[in-house]
Amino acid sequence: MTFEKRKEDLIEKAKAEAFRLDLAKDTTSVRHVAYSISTIPSDHSGEIDSIYVDEEYRN
């Protein structure tokens, strides 16, 4: 799936469901190093739609 298609899908989900974007910032370098995008549909079964952690911060 292309990034553009994933982006379209997330935008559509955000219109109908609770949508959350979390960012993690390295306070030393003051840059964002990770994110997660999640949605919660009406049945309250949360789903992580996208997650990323900069390679430098993975263990």
PDB file of N, CA and C in Angstrom:
ATOM      1  N   MET A   1       0.851  -1.172   0.000  1.00  0.00           N
ATOM      2  CA  MET A   1       0.000   0.000   0.000  1.00  0.00           C
ATOM      3  C   MET A   1       0.899   1.238   0.000  1.00  0.00           C
ATOM      4  N   THR A   2       0.569   2.202  -0.807  1.00  0.00           N
ATOM      5  CA  THR A   2       1.356   3.434  -0.876  1.00  0.00           C
ATOM      6  C   THR A   2       1.041   4.347   0.311  1.00  0.00           C
ATOM      7  N   PHE A   3       1.930   5.276   0.562  1.00  0.00           N
ATOM      8  CA  PHE A   3       1.704   6.235   1.637  1.00  0.00           C
ATOM      9  C   PHE A   3       0.437   7.038   1.377  1.00  0.00           C
ATOM     10  N   GLU A   4       0.224   7.448   0.130  1.00  0.00           N
ATOM     11  CA  GLU A   4      -0.962   8.243  -0.206  1.00  0.00           C
ATOM     12  C   GLU A   4      -2.250   7.482   0.100  1.00  0.00           C
ATOM     13  N   LYS A   5      -2.277   6.187  -0.205  1.00  0.00           N
ATOM     14  CA  LYS A   5      -3.462   5.370   0.072  1.00  0.00           C
ATOM     15  C   LYS A   5      -3.669   5.224   1.582  1.00  0.00           C
ATOM     16  N   ARG A   6      -2.595   4.977   2.307  1.00  0.00           N
ATOM     17  CA  ARG A   6      -2.706   4.869   3.768  1.00  0.00           C
ATOM     18  C   ARG A   6      -3.213   6.177   4.355  1.00  0.00           C
ATOM     19  N   LYS A   7      -2.698   7.283   3.846  1.00  0.00           N
ATOM     20  CA  LYS A   7      -3.123   8.598   4.314  1.00  0.00           C
ATOM     21  C   LYS A   7      -4.612   8.802   4.066  1.00  0.00           C
ATOM     22  N   GLU A   8      -5.085   8.468   2.886  1.00  0.00           N
ATOM     23  CA  GLU A   8      -6.516   8.584   2.560  1.00  0.00           C
ATOM     24  C   GLU A   8      -7.356   7.734   3.508  1.00  0.00           C
ATOM     25  N   ASP A   9      -6.917   6.501   3.737  1.00  0.00           N
ATOM     26  CA  ASP A   9      -7.653   5.599   4.633  1.00  0.00           C
ATOM     27  C   ASP A   9      -7.731   6.163   6.053  1.00  0.00           C
ATOM     28  N   LEU A  10      -6.618   6.718   6.550  1.00  0.00           N
ATOM     29  CA  LEU A  10      -6.609   7.288   7.903  1.00  0.00           C
ATOM     30  C   LEU A  10      -7.505   8.516   7.996  1.00  0.00           C
ATOM     31  N   ILE A  11      -7.524   9.340   6.967  1.00  0.00           N
ATOM     32  CA  ILE A  11      -8.397  10.513   6.958  1.00  0.00           C
ATOM     33  C   ILE A  11      -9.854  10.089   7.005  1.00  0.00           C
ATOM     34  N   GLU A  12     -10.217   9.074   6.264  1.00  0.00           N
ATOM     35  CA  GLU A  12     -11.594   8.564   6.280  1.00  0.00           C
ATOM     36  C   GLU A  12     -11.950   7.976   7.646  1.00  0.00           C
ATOM     37  N   LYS A  13     -11.035   7.215   8.233  1.00  0.00           N
ATOM     38  CA  LYS A  13     -11.288   6.646   9.559  1.00  0.00           C
ATOM     39  C   LYS A  13     -11.469   7.747  10.594  1.00  0.00           C
ATOM     40  N   ALA A  14     -10.678   8.802  10.487  1.00  0.00           N
ATOM     41  CA  ALA A  14     -10.740   9.905  11.454  1.00  0.00           C
ATOM     42  C   ALA A  14     -12.087  10.617  11.403  1.00  0.00           C
ATOM     43  N   LYS A  15     -12.743  10.601  10.268  1.00  0.00           N
ATOM     44  CA  LYS A  15     -14.059  11.238  10.143  1.00  0.00           C
ATOM     45  C   LYS A  15     -15.132  10.466  10.899  1.00  0.00           C
ATOM     46  N   ALA A  16     -14.965   9.148  11.005  1.00  0.00           N
ATOM     47  CA  ALA A  16     -16.009   8.305  11.582  1.00  0.00           C
ATOM     48  C   ALA A  16     -15.678   7.760  12.972  1.00  0.00           C
ATOM     49  N   GLU A  17     -14.422   7.824  13.380  1.00  0.00           N
ATOM     50  CA  GLU A  17     -14.001   7.191  14.620  1.00  0.00           C
ATOM     51  C   GLU A  17     -13.159   8.157  15.439  1.00  0.00           C
ATOM     52  N   ALA A  18     -12.986   7.826  16.708  1.00  0.00           N
ATOM     53  CA  ALA A  18     -12.046   8.587  17.538  1.00  0.00           C
ATOM     54  C   ALA A  18     -10.650   8.347  16.990  1.00  0.00           C
ATOM     55  N   PHE A  19      -9.873   9.382  16.896  1.00  0.00           N
ATOM     56  CA  PHE A  19      -8.559   9.348  16.260  1.00  0.00           C
ATOM     57  C   PHE A  19      -7.548   9.946  17.225  1.00  0.00           C
ATOM     58  N   ARG A  20      -6.391   9.311  17.342  1.00  0.00           N
ATOM     59  CA  ARG A  20      -5.377   9.818  18.262  1.00  0.00           C
ATOM     60  C   ARG A  20      -4.004   9.745  17.605  1.00  0.00           C
ATOM     61  N   LEU A  21      -3.257  10.813  17.742  1.00  0.00           N
ATOM     62  CA  LEU A  21      -1.877  10.882  17.271  1.00  0.00           C
ATOM     63  C   LEU A  21      -1.000  11.185  18.469  1.00  0.00           C
ATOM     64  N   ASP A  22      -0.046  10.305  18.747  1.00  0.00           N
ATOM     65  CA  ASP A  22       0.904  10.513  19.846  1.00  0.00           C
ATOM     66  C   ASP A  22       2.295  10.697  19.255  1.00  0.00           C
ATOM     67  N   LEU A  23       3.016  11.674  19.769  1.00  0.00           N
ATOM     68  CA  LEU A  23       4.379  11.947  19.336  1.00  0.00           C
ATOM     69  C   LEU A  23       5.319  11.795  20.516  1.00  0.00           C
ATOM     70  N   ALA A  24       6.508  11.257  20.252  1.00  0.00           N
ATOM     71  CA  ALA A  24       7.546  11.156  21.279  1.00  0.00           C
ATOM     72  C   ALA A  24       8.697  12.056  20.865  1.00  0.00           C
ATOM     73  N   LYS A  25       9.147  12.875  21.808  1.00  0.00           N
ATOM     74  CA  LYS A  25      10.210  13.827  21.524  1.00  0.00           C
ATOM     75  C   LYS A  25      11.415  13.548  22.410  1.00  0.00           C
ATOM     76  N   ASP A  26      12.583  13.580  21.804  1.00  0.00           N
ATOM     77  CA  ASP A  26      13.827  13.507  22.561  1.00  0.00           C
ATOM     78  C   ASP A  26      14.077  14.908  23.100  1.00  0.00           C
ATOM     79  N   THR A  27      14.042  15.051  24.403  1.00  0.00           N
ATOM     80  CA  THR A  27      14.172  16.389  24.994  1.00  0.00           C
ATOM     81  C   THR A  27      15.585  16.948  24.883  1.00  0.00           C
ATOM     82  N   THR A  28      16.565  16.089  24.645  1.00  0.00           N
ATOM     83  CA  THR A  28      17.934  16.563  24.471  1.00  0.00           C
ATOM     84  C   THR A  28      18.122  17.195  23.094  1.00  0.00           C
ATOM     85  N   SER A  29      17.706  16.471  22.064  1.00  0.00           N
ATOM     86  CA  SER A  29      17.870  16.984  20.693  1.00  0.00           C
ATOM     87  C   SER A  29      16.676  17.821  20.243  1.00  0.00           C
ATOM     88  N   VAL A  30      15.599  17.791  21.027  1.00  0.00           N
ATOM     89  CA  VAL A  30      14.363  18.532  20.749  1.00  0.00           C
ATOM     90  C   VAL A  30      13.823  18.185  19.359  1.00  0.00           C
ATOM     91  N   ARG A  31      13.795  16.891  19.074  1.00  0.00           N
ATOM     92  CA  ARG A  31      13.201  16.445  17.811  1.00  0.00           C
ATOM     93  C   ARG A  31      12.281  15.262  18.068  1.00  0.00           C
ATOM     94  N   HIS A  32      11.276  15.147  17.226  1.00  0.00           N
ATOM     95  CA  HIS A  32      10.355  14.020  17.349  1.00  0.00           C
ATOM     96  C   HIS A  32      11.044  12.761  16.838  1.00  0.00           C
ATOM     97  N   VAL A  33      10.947  11.696  17.620  1.00  0.00           N
ATOM     98  CA  VAL A  33      11.653  10.469  17.289  1.00  0.00           C
ATOM     99  C   VAL A  33      10.710   9.276  17.094  1.00  0.00           C
ATOM    100  N   ALA A  34       9.426   9.463  17.398  1.00  0.00           N
ATOM    101  CA  ALA A  34       8.477   8.363  17.244  1.00  0.00           C
ATOM    102  C   ALA A  34       7.060   8.915  17.177  1.00  0.00           C
ATOM    103  N   TYR A  35       6.162   8.109  16.594  1.00  0.00           N
ATOM    104  CA  TYR A  35       4.746   8.466  16.583  1.00  0.00           C
ATOM    105  C   TYR A  35       3.907   7.208  16.561  1.00  0.00           C
ATOM    106  N   SER A  36       2.668   7.334  16.969  1.00  0.00           N
ATOM    107  CA  SER A  36       1.680   6.275  16.768  1.00  0.00           C
ATOM    108  C   SER A  36       0.353   6.943  16.428  1.00  0.00           C
ATOM    109  N   ILE A  37      -0.368   6.298  15.543  1.00  0.00           N
ATOM    110  CA  ILE A  37      -1.707   6.745  15.155  1.00  0.00           C
ATOM    111  C   ILE A  37      -2.648   5.604  15.494  1.00  0.00           C
ATOM    112  N   SER A  38      -3.678   5.915  16.256  1.00  0.00           N
ATOM    113  CA  SER A  38      -4.637   4.874  16.626  1.00  0.00           C
ATOM    114  C   SER A  38      -6.060   5.396  16.468  1.00  0.00           C
ATOM    115  N   THR A  39      -6.975   4.457  16.297  1.00  0.00           N
ATOM    116  CA  THR A  39      -8.394   4.785  16.175  1.00  0.00           C
ATOM    117  C   THR A  39      -9.189   3.892  17.117  1.00  0.00           C
ATOM    118  N   ILE A  40     -10.353   4.402  17.521  1.00  0.00           N
ATOM    119  CA  ILE A  40     -11.258   3.631  18.373  1.00  0.00           C
ATOM    120  C   ILE A  40     -12.642   3.685  17.725  1.00  0.00           C
ATOM    121  N   PRO A  41     -13.055   2.579  17.108  1.00  0.00           N
ATOM    122  CA  PRO A  41     -14.382   2.548  16.495  1.00  0.00           C
ATOM    123  C   PRO A  41     -15.488   2.469  17.549  1.00  0.00           C
ATOM    124  N   SER A  42     -16.713   2.513  17.098  1.00  0.00           N
ATOM    125  CA  SER A  42     -17.864   2.547  18.007  1.00  0.00           C
ATOM    126  C   SER A  42     -17.951   1.328  18.923  1.00  0.00           C
ATOM    127  N   ASP A  43     -17.360   0.190  18.534  1.00  0.00           N
ATOM    128  CA  ASP A  43     -17.394  -0.989  19.403  1.00  0.00           C
ATOM    129  C   ASP A  43     -16.275  -0.959  20.458  1.00  0.00           C
ATOM    130  N   HIS A  44     -15.519   0.135  20.507  1.00  0.00           N
ATOM    131  CA  HIS A  44     -14.463   0.372  21.500  1.00  0.00           C
ATOM    132  C   HIS A  44     -13.306  -0.617  21.429  1.00  0.00           C
ATOM    133  N   SER A  45     -13.096  -1.194  20.274  1.00  0.00           N
ATOM    134  CA  SER A  45     -11.951  -2.097  20.086  1.00  0.00           C
ATOM    135  C   SER A  45     -10.813  -1.302  19.448  1.00  0.00           C
ATOM    136  N   GLY A  46      -9.949  -0.728  20.271  1.00  0.00           N
ATOM    137  CA  GLY A  46      -8.879   0.129  19.771  1.00  0.00           C
ATOM    138  C   GLY A  46      -7.968  -0.577  18.788  1.00  0.00           C
ATOM    139  N   GLU A  47      -7.410   0.213  17.879  1.00  0.00           N
ATOM    140  CA  GLU A  47      -6.534  -0.337  16.854  1.00  0.00           C
ATOM    141  C   GLU A  47      -5.374   0.631  16.619  1.00  0.00           C
ATOM    142  N   ILE A  48      -4.155   0.085  16.584  1.00  0.00           N
ATOM    143  CA  ILE A  48      -3.003   0.887  16.194  1.00  0.00           C
ATOM    144  C   ILE A  48      -2.930   0.825  14.677  1.00  0.00           C
ATOM    145  N   ASP A  49      -3.056   1.984  14.053  1.00  0.00           N
ATOM    146  CA  ASP A  49      -3.067   2.045  12.594  1.00  0.00           C
ATOM    147  C   ASP A  49      -1.683   2.258  12.013  1.00  0.00           C
ATOM    148  N   SER A  50      -0.837   2.936  12.739  1.00  0.00           N
ATOM    149  CA  SER A  50       0.517   3.198  12.252  1.00  0.00           C
ATOM    150  C   SER A  50       1.401   3.502  13.455  1.00  0.00           C
ATOM    151  N   ILE A  51       2.618   2.999  13.404  1.00  0.00           N
ATOM    152  CA  ILE A  51       3.574   3.267  14.477  1.00  0.00           C
ATOM    153  C   ILE A  51       4.957   3.356  13.855  1.00  0.00           C
ATOM    154  N   TYR A  52       5.757   4.289  14.371  1.00  0.00           N
ATOM    155  CA  TYR A  52       7.111   4.472  13.857  1.00  0.00           C
ATOM    156  C   TYR A  52       8.014   4.913  14.998  1.00  0.00           C
ATOM    157  N   VAL A  53       9.215   4.326  15.057  1.00  0.00           N
ATOM    158  CA  VAL A  53      10.251   4.743  15.990  1.00  0.00           C
ATOM    159  C   VAL A  53      11.535   4.890  15.177  1.00  0.00           C
ATOM    160  N   ASP A  54      12.151   6.057  15.275  1.00  0.00           N
ATOM    161  CA  ASP A  54      13.406   6.306  14.565  1.00  0.00           C
ATOM    162  C   ASP A  54      14.393   5.187  14.888  1.00  0.00           C
ATOM    163  N   GLU A  55      15.087   4.718  13.889  1.00  0.00           N
ATOM    164  CA  GLU A  55      15.990   3.579  14.051  1.00  0.00           C
ATOM    165  C   GLU A  55      17.005   3.792  15.177  1.00  0.00           C
ATOM    166  N   GLU A  56      17.451   5.003  15.341  1.00  0.00           N
ATOM    167  CA  GLU A  56      18.433   5.339  16.379  1.00  0.00           C
ATOM    168  C   GLU A  56      17.893   5.084  17.793  1.00  0.00           C
ATOM    169  N   TYR A  57      16.562   5.060  17.961  1.00  0.00           N
ATOM    170  CA  TYR A  57      15.946   4.920  19.284  1.00  0.00           C
ATOM    171  C   TYR A  57      15.358   3.540  19.523  1.00  0.00           C
ATOM    172  N   ARG A  58      15.552   2.632  18.620  1.00  0.00           N
ATOM    173  CA  ARG A  58      15.048   1.256  18.793  1.00  0.00           C
ATOM    174  C   ARG A  58      16.059   0.435  19.578  1.00  0.00           C
ATOM    175  N   ASN A  59      15.575  -0.433  20.440  1.00  0.00           N
ATOM    176  CA  ASN A  59      16.450  -1.321  21.208  1.00  0.00           C
ATOM    177  C   ASN A  59      16.101  -2.752  20.906  1.00  0.00           C
TER     178      ASN A  59
END
